[in-house]
């Protein structure tokens, strides 16, 4: 690497250039018209990467190479860390009072059955005896259990959807009419071959248009 003023300043601070660790003095140009390495990734001595690489030229919109540096996760986050997971997507969205009440009622039943309140109370009593890491682990376990119980309640309420909306003859016929014309379009496109359904539905709905 070409030693510049800023490179000497970083060396005076005790920082290490990562590419030099892996290329062992073999200089690689980092500018598309240059002959020297003018870009670098500087790290502290106690934060050594486990792998490092330079991407080819013109891999992005710029005229410099991209540096890829991989650090061991225990060096960055410590030997004990809790991975962050993406939460599950909620599957129940309802404004029907009956469905909402069933969801709340069943979720409260599951929380009582699995003694969530008692677990939180025990954890509060042991708070002074546990380290911050142990307390965080226990809280995450309870939070994960609560999430699973809520998802279970949602699945239960989805099965209870039938009967939450009053029957409407107008909406029923409108739905059947919509389905009928979809099937007619599919039939014209040679994607639906049940002509009996079309004829019977047209007779039931008293549709006399030329199909």
C-alpha atoms as a PDB file:
ATOM      1  CA  UNK A   1       0.000   0.000   0.000  1.00  0.00           C
ATOM      2  CA  UNK A   2       1.172   3.496  -0.802  1.00  0.00           C
ATOM      3  CA  UNK A   3       1.969   5.258   2.473  1.00  0.00           C
ATOM      4  CA  UNK A   4       0.177   8.586   2.572  1.00  0.00           C
ATOM      5  CA  UNK A   5      -0.145  11.193   5.280  1.00  0.00           C
ATOM      6  CA  UNK A   6      -3.422   9.748   6.550  1.00  0.00           C
ATOM      7  CA  UNK A   7      -1.979   6.227   6.463  1.00  0.00           C
ATOM      8  CA  UNK A   8       0.931   7.331   8.655  1.00  0.00           C
ATOM      9  CA  UNK A   9      -1.569   8.945  11.042  1.00  0.00           C
ATOM     10  CA  UNK A  10      -3.515   5.687  11.325  1.00  0.00           C
ATOM     11  CA  UNK A  11      -0.306   3.722  11.909  1.00  0.00           C
ATOM     12  CA  UNK A  12       0.669   6.163  14.647  1.00  0.00           C
ATOM     13  CA  UNK A  13      -2.661   5.367  16.333  1.00  0.00           C
ATOM     14  CA  UNK A  14      -1.804   1.659  16.265  1.00  0.00           C
ATOM     15  CA  UNK A  15      -4.386   0.708  13.638  1.00  0.00           C
ATOM     16  CA  UNK A  16      -3.785  -2.181  11.234  1.00  0.00           C
ATOM     17  CA  UNK A  17      -4.583  -2.259   7.522  1.00  0.00           C
ATOM     18  CA  UNK A  18      -6.639  -5.394   6.864  1.00  0.00           C
ATOM     19  CA  UNK A  19      -5.743  -6.025   3.219  1.00  0.00           C
ATOM     20  CA  UNK A  20      -2.062  -6.132   3.991  1.00  0.00           C
ATOM     21  CA  UNK A  21      -2.689  -8.976   6.447  1.00  0.00           C
ATOM     22  CA  UNK A  22      -4.051 -11.231   3.684  1.00  0.00           C
ATOM     23  CA  UNK A  23      -2.193 -10.065   0.569  1.00  0.00           C
ATOM     24  CA  UNK A  24       1.166 -10.160   2.424  1.00  0.00           C
ATOM     25  CA  UNK A  25       2.719  -7.119   0.808  1.00  0.00           C
ATOM     26  CA  UNK A  26       1.416  -7.884  -2.686  1.00  0.00           C
ATOM     27  CA  UNK A  27       0.079  -4.487  -3.689  1.00  0.00           C
ATOM     28  CA  UNK A  28      -3.267  -4.388  -5.442  1.00  0.00           C
ATOM     29  CA  UNK A  29      -4.429  -1.235  -7.263  1.00  0.00           C
ATOM     30  CA  UNK A  30      -7.776   0.017  -5.987  1.00  0.00           C
ATOM     31  CA  UNK A  31      -8.400   2.786  -8.561  1.00  0.00           C
ATOM     32  CA  UNK A  32      -9.223   1.748 -12.115  1.00  0.00           C
ATOM     33  CA  UNK A  33      -6.503   3.950 -13.615  1.00  0.00           C
ATOM     34  CA  UNK A  34      -4.018   3.616 -10.776  1.00  0.00           C
ATOM     35  CA  UNK A  35      -1.103   1.291  -9.960  1.00  0.00           C
ATOM     36  CA  UNK A  36      -1.164   1.512  -6.164  1.00  0.00           C
ATOM     37  CA  UNK A  37      -3.541   0.694  -3.343  1.00  0.00           C
ATOM     38  CA  UNK A  38      -4.928   4.024  -2.249  1.00  0.00           C
ATOM     39  CA  UNK A  39      -7.957   2.665  -0.322  1.00  0.00           C
ATOM     40  CA  UNK A  40      -7.867   0.627   2.847  1.00  0.00           C
ATOM     41  CA  UNK A  41      -9.823  -0.690   5.834  1.00  0.00           C
ATOM     42  CA  UNK A  42      -8.154   0.127   9.164  1.00  0.00           C
ATOM     43  CA  UNK A  43      -9.028  -1.751  12.352  1.00  0.00           C
ATOM     44  CA  UNK A  44      -7.870  -1.939  15.953  1.00  0.00           C
ATOM     45  CA  UNK A  45      -5.255  -4.606  16.783  1.00  0.00           C
ATOM     46  CA  UNK A  46      -7.742  -6.550  18.942  1.00  0.00           C
ATOM     47  CA  UNK A  47     -10.325  -6.642  16.120  1.00  0.00           C
ATOM     48  CA  UNK A  48      -8.709  -8.840  13.505  1.00  0.00           C
ATOM     49  CA  UNK A  49     -10.811 -10.028  10.546  1.00  0.00           C
ATOM     50  CA  UNK A  50     -10.972 -13.687   9.590  1.00  0.00           C
ATOM     51  CA  UNK A  51     -11.230 -13.003   5.839  1.00  0.00           C
ATOM     52  CA  UNK A  52     -10.770 -10.122   3.445  1.00  0.00           C
ATOM     53  CA  UNK A  53     -11.148  -9.614  -0.279  1.00  0.00           C
ATOM     54  CA  UNK A  54     -11.289  -6.998  -3.025  1.00  0.00           C
ATOM     55  CA  UNK A  55     -14.064  -7.020  -5.602  1.00  0.00           C
ATOM     56  CA  UNK A  56     -13.218  -6.562  -9.307  1.00  0.00           C
ATOM     57  CA  UNK A  57     -13.330  -3.156 -10.943  1.00  0.00           C
ATOM     58  CA  UNK A  58     -16.646  -1.839 -12.302  1.00  0.00           C
ATOM     59  CA  UNK A  59     -18.676  -4.048  -9.976  1.00  0.00           C
ATOM     60  CA  UNK A  60     -20.599  -0.989  -8.816  1.00  0.00           C
ATOM     61  CA  UNK A  61     -21.219   2.539 -10.056  1.00  0.00           C
ATOM     62  CA  UNK A  62     -17.890   3.873  -8.737  1.00  0.00           C
ATOM     63  CA  UNK A  63     -14.363   3.697 -10.114  1.00  0.00           C
ATOM     64  CA  UNK A  64     -12.806   2.154  -6.982  1.00  0.00           C
ATOM     65  CA  UNK A  65     -12.820  -1.442  -5.822  1.00  0.00           C
ATOM     66  CA  UNK A  66     -15.203  -2.673  -3.154  1.00  0.00           C
ATOM     67  CA  UNK A  67     -13.620  -4.118  -0.009  1.00  0.00           C
ATOM     68  CA  UNK A  68     -15.261  -7.085   1.711  1.00  0.00           C
ATOM     69  CA  UNK A  69     -14.075  -7.749   5.270  1.00  0.00           C
ATOM     70  CA  UNK A  70     -15.430 -10.521   7.495  1.00  0.00           C
ATOM     71  CA  UNK A  71     -15.112 -10.230  11.278  1.00  0.00           C
ATOM     72  CA  UNK A  72     -15.771 -13.070  13.759  1.00  0.00           C
ATOM     73  CA  UNK A  73     -19.058 -12.347  15.485  1.00  0.00           C
ATOM     74  CA  UNK A  74     -17.675 -13.048  18.965  1.00  0.00           C
ATOM     75  CA  UNK A  75     -15.091 -10.279  18.460  1.00  0.00           C
ATOM     76  CA  UNK A  76     -17.754  -7.755  17.559  1.00  0.00           C
ATOM     77  CA  UNK A  77     -20.541  -8.757  19.964  1.00  0.00           C
ATOM     78  CA  UNK A  78     -18.643 -10.722  22.602  1.00  0.00           C
ATOM     79  CA  UNK A  79     -18.647 -14.418  23.401  1.00  0.00           C
ATOM     80  CA  UNK A  80     -22.238 -14.332  24.650  1.00  0.00           C
ATOM     81  CA  UNK A  81     -24.851 -12.719  22.477  1.00  0.00           C
ATOM     82  CA  UNK A  82     -28.497 -13.207  21.627  1.00  0.00           C
ATOM     83  CA  UNK A  83     -29.288 -13.443  17.906  1.00  0.00           C
ATOM     84  CA  UNK A  84     -32.008 -11.119  16.651  1.00  0.00           C
ATOM     85  CA  UNK A  85     -34.705 -12.990  14.721  1.00  0.00           C
ATOM     86  CA  UNK A  86     -37.380 -11.563  12.510  1.00  0.00           C
ATOM     87  CA  UNK A  87     -40.763 -11.905  14.248  1.00  0.00           C
ATOM     88  CA  UNK A  88     -43.502 -13.983  12.663  1.00  0.00           C
ATOM     89  CA  UNK A  89     -46.064 -12.084  10.635  1.00  0.00           C
ATOM     90  CA  UNK A  90     -49.446 -11.678  12.305  1.00  0.00           C
ATOM     91  CA  UNK A  91     -52.127 -13.545  10.386  1.00  0.00           C
ATOM     92  CA  UNK A  92     -55.359 -12.213  11.889  1.00  0.00           C
ATOM     93  CA  UNK A  93     -56.741  -8.832  10.907  1.00  0.00           C
ATOM     94  CA  UNK A  94     -60.391  -8.509  11.833  1.00  0.00           C
ATOM     95  CA  UNK A  95     -62.827  -5.794  12.799  1.00  0.00           C
ATOM     96  CA  UNK A  96     -65.629  -8.221  13.650  1.00  0.00           C
ATOM     97  CA  UNK A  97     -66.466  -7.854  17.375  1.00  0.00           C
ATOM     98  CA  UNK A  98     -67.155 -11.561  17.811  1.00  0.00           C
ATOM     99  CA  UNK A  99     -63.848 -12.591  16.262  1.00  0.00           C
ATOM    100  CA  UNK A 100     -61.905 -10.013  18.293  1.00  0.00           C
ATOM    101  CA  UNK A 101     -63.541 -11.103  21.557  1.00  0.00           C
ATOM    102  CA  UNK A 102     -62.835 -14.766  20.798  1.00  0.00           C
ATOM    103  CA  UNK A 103     -59.203 -13.920  20.129  1.00  0.00           C
ATOM    104  CA  UNK A 104     -58.797 -11.986  23.391  1.00  0.00           C
ATOM    105  CA  UNK A 105     -60.642 -14.631  25.411  1.00  0.00           C
ATOM    106  CA  UNK A 106     -58.582 -17.508  24.034  1.00  0.00           C
ATOM    107  CA  UNK A 107     -55.282 -15.595  24.378  1.00  0.00           C
ATOM    108  CA  UNK A 108     -56.026 -14.832  28.050  1.00  0.00           C
ATOM    109  CA  UNK A 109     -56.876 -18.506  28.621  1.00  0.00           C
ATOM    110  CA  UNK A 110     -53.531 -19.593  27.125  1.00  0.00           C
ATOM    111  CA  UNK A 111     -51.635 -17.027  29.199  1.00  0.00           C
ATOM    112  CA  UNK A 112     -53.273 -18.369  32.383  1.00  0.00           C
ATOM    113  CA  UNK A 113     -52.732 -21.984  31.360  1.00  0.00           C
ATOM    114  CA  UNK A 114     -49.022 -21.425  30.705  1.00  0.00           C
ATOM    115  CA  UNK A 115     -48.620 -19.295  33.859  1.00  0.00           C
ATOM    116  CA  UNK A 116     -47.053 -16.315  32.105  1.00  0.00           C
ATOM    117  CA  UNK A 117     -47.876 -13.942  34.982  1.00  0.00           C
ATOM    118  CA  UNK A 118     -46.306 -16.299  37.542  1.00  0.00           C
ATOM    119  CA  UNK A 119     -43.153 -16.665  35.440  1.00  0.00           C
ATOM    120  CA  UNK A 120     -42.732 -12.893  35.283  1.00  0.00           C
ATOM    121  CA  UNK A 121     -43.274 -12.633  39.026  1.00  0.00           C
ATOM    122  CA  UNK A 122     -40.614 -15.290  39.732  1.00  0.00           C
ATOM    123  CA  UNK A 123     -38.195 -13.522  37.411  1.00  0.00           C
ATOM    124  CA  UNK A 124     -38.852 -10.228  39.210  1.00  0.00           C
ATOM    125  CA  UNK A 125     -38.097 -11.843  42.579  1.00  0.00           C
ATOM    126  CA  UNK A 126     -34.824 -13.289  41.249  1.00  0.00           C
ATOM    127  CA  UNK A 127     -33.862 -10.025  39.576  1.00  0.00           C
ATOM    128  CA  UNK A 128     -31.102  -9.119  42.019  1.00  0.00           C
ATOM    129  CA  UNK A 129     -29.587 -12.618  41.904  1.00  0.00           C
ATOM    130  CA  UNK A 130     -29.346 -12.796  38.108  1.00  0.00           C
ATOM    131  CA  UNK A 131     -26.861 -11.080  35.855  1.00  0.00           C
ATOM    132  CA  UNK A 132     -28.108  -8.752  33.138  1.00  0.00           C
ATOM    133  CA  UNK A 133     -27.400 -11.404  30.508  1.00  0.00           C
ATOM    134  CA  UNK A 134     -29.301 -14.147  32.382  1.00  0.00           C
ATOM    135  CA  UNK A 135     -32.235 -11.800  32.993  1.00  0.00           C
ATOM    136  CA  UNK A 136     -32.300 -10.903  29.299  1.00  0.00           C
ATOM    137  CA  UNK A 137     -32.276 -14.577  28.289  1.00  0.00           C
ATOM    138  CA  UNK A 138     -35.235 -15.368  30.580  1.00  0.00           C
ATOM    139  CA  UNK A 139     -37.192 -12.358  29.338  1.00  0.00           C
ATOM    140  CA  UNK A 140     -36.598 -13.360  25.727  1.00  0.00           C
ATOM    141  CA  UNK A 141     -37.840 -16.878  26.450  1.00  0.00           C
ATOM    142  CA  UNK A 142     -41.036 -15.521  27.997  1.00  0.00           C
ATOM    143  CA  UNK A 143     -41.483 -13.078  25.122  1.00  0.00           C
ATOM    144  CA  UNK A 144     -41.078 -15.883  22.575  1.00  0.00           C
ATOM    145  CA  UNK A 145     -43.593 -18.013  24.456  1.00  0.00           C
ATOM    146  CA  UNK A 146     -46.098 -15.127  24.503  1.00  0.00           C
ATOM    147  CA  UNK A 147     -45.656 -14.641  20.754  1.00  0.00           C
ATOM    148  CA  UNK A 148     -46.332 -18.329  20.110  1.00  0.00           C
ATOM    149  CA  UNK A 149     -49.444 -18.235  22.288  1.00  0.00           C
ATOM    150  CA  UNK A 150     -50.785 -15.200  20.429  1.00  0.00           C
ATOM    151  CA  UNK A 151     -50.167 -16.883  17.089  1.00  0.00           C
ATOM    152  CA  UNK A 152     -52.003 -19.947  18.378  1.00  0.00           C
ATOM    153  CA  UNK A 153     -54.946 -17.724  19.331  1.00  0.00           C
ATOM    154  CA  UNK A 154     -54.978 -16.224  15.844  1.00  0.00           C
ATOM    155  CA  UNK A 155     -55.113 -19.671  14.245  1.00  0.00           C
ATOM    156  CA  UNK A 156     -57.974 -20.597  16.546  1.00  0.00           C
ATOM    157  CA  UNK A 157     -59.954 -17.474  15.666  1.00  0.00           C
ATOM    158  CA  UNK A 158     -59.457 -17.969  11.950  1.00  0.00           C
ATOM    159  CA  UNK A 159     -61.416 -21.217  12.284  1.00  0.00           C
ATOM    160  CA  UNK A 160     -64.174 -19.327  14.092  1.00  0.00           C
ATOM    161  CA  UNK A 161     -64.676 -16.905  11.201  1.00  0.00           C
ATOM    162  CA  UNK A 162     -67.699 -18.803   9.850  1.00  0.00           C
ATOM    163  CA  UNK A 163     -70.902 -17.290  11.157  1.00  0.00           C
ATOM    164  CA  UNK A 164     -69.452 -13.940  12.219  1.00  0.00           C
ATOM    165  CA  UNK A 165     -71.120 -12.205   9.250  1.00  0.00           C
ATOM    166  CA  UNK A 166     -74.871 -12.335   8.787  1.00  0.00           C
ATOM    167  CA  UNK A 167     -76.092 -14.093   5.661  1.00  0.00           C
ATOM    168  CA  UNK A 168     -77.105 -11.769   2.841  1.00  0.00           C
ATOM    169  CA  UNK A 169     -78.967 -13.101  -0.191  1.00  0.00           C
ATOM    170  CA  UNK A 170     -77.933 -10.072  -2.233  1.00  0.00           C
ATOM    171  CA  UNK A 171     -74.228 -10.539  -1.435  1.00  0.00           C
ATOM    172  CA  UNK A 172     -74.505 -14.273  -2.032  1.00  0.00           C
ATOM    173  CA  UNK A 173     -75.954 -13.781  -5.512  1.00  0.00           C
ATOM    174  CA  UNK A 174     -73.468 -11.014  -6.238  1.00  0.00           C
ATOM    175  CA  UNK A 175     -70.615 -13.354  -5.321  1.00  0.00           C
ATOM    176  CA  UNK A 176     -72.082 -16.107  -7.498  1.00  0.00           C
ATOM    177  CA  UNK A 177     -72.511 -13.661 -10.397  1.00  0.00           C
ATOM    178  CA  UNK A 178     -68.864 -12.565 -10.051  1.00  0.00           C
ATOM    179  CA  UNK A 179     -67.734 -16.193 -10.071  1.00  0.00           C
ATOM    180  CA  UNK A 180     -69.963 -16.928 -13.071  1.00  0.00           C
ATOM    181  CA  UNK A 181     -68.468 -14.206 -15.244  1.00  0.00           C
ATOM    182  CA  UNK A 182     -64.931 -15.192 -14.225  1.00  0.00           C
ATOM    183  CA  UNK A 183     -65.680 -18.734 -15.401  1.00  0.00           C
ATOM    184  CA  UNK A 184     -67.123 -17.392 -18.659  1.00  0.00           C
ATOM    185  CA  UNK A 185     -63.903 -15.458 -19.306  1.00  0.00           C
ATOM    186  CA  UNK A 186     -61.839 -18.548 -18.493  1.00  0.00           C
ATOM    187  CA  UNK A 187     -64.039 -20.589 -20.854  1.00  0.00           C
ATOM    188  CA  UNK A 188     -63.443 -18.123 -23.675  1.00  0.00           C
ATOM    189  CA  UNK A 189     -59.707 -18.349 -22.969  1.00  0.00           C
ATOM    190  CA  UNK A 190     -59.881 -22.176 -23.017  1.00  0.00           C
ATOM    191  CA  UNK A 191     -58.888 -22.323 -19.336  1.00  0.00           C
ATOM    192  CA  UNK A 192     -62.208 -23.688 -18.002  1.00  0.00           C
ATOM    193  CA  UNK A 193     -64.123 -26.585 -19.553  1.00  0.00           C
ATOM    194  CA  UNK A 194     -67.119 -27.142 -17.247  1.00  0.00           C
ATOM    195  CA  UNK A 195     -69.830 -25.818 -19.569  1.00  0.00           C
ATOM    196  CA  UNK A 196     -72.555 -27.368 -17.392  1.00  0.00           C
ATOM    197  CA  UNK A 197     -71.646 -25.062 -14.514  1.00  0.00           C
ATOM    198  CA  UNK A 198     -71.918 -22.029 -16.785  1.00  0.00           C
ATOM    199  CA  UNK A 199     -75.292 -23.093 -18.226  1.00  0.00           C
ATOM    200  CA  UNK A 200     -76.813 -24.014 -14.846  1.00  0.00           C
ATOM    201  CA  UNK A 201     -75.545 -20.849 -13.153  1.00  0.00           C
ATOM    202  CA  UNK A 202     -76.805 -18.702 -16.016  1.00  0.00           C
ATOM    203  CA  UNK A 203     -80.208 -20.316 -15.670  1.00  0.00           C
ATOM    204  CA  UNK A 204     -80.238 -19.787 -11.896  1.00  0.00           C
ATOM    205  CA  UNK A 205     -79.200 -16.152 -12.189  1.00  0.00           C
ATOM    206  CA  UNK A 206     -81.544 -15.652 -15.168  1.00  0.00           C
ATOM    207  CA  UNK A 207     -78.775 -14.346 -17.371  1.00  0.00           C
ATOM    208  CA  UNK A 208     -79.993 -14.284 -20.964  1.00  0.00           C
ATOM    209  CA  UNK A 209     -77.015 -12.575 -22.581  1.00  0.00           C
ATOM    210  CA  UNK A 210     -75.272 -14.370 -25.392  1.00  0.00           C
ATOM    211  CA  UNK A 211     -72.321 -16.243 -23.926  1.00  0.00           C
END
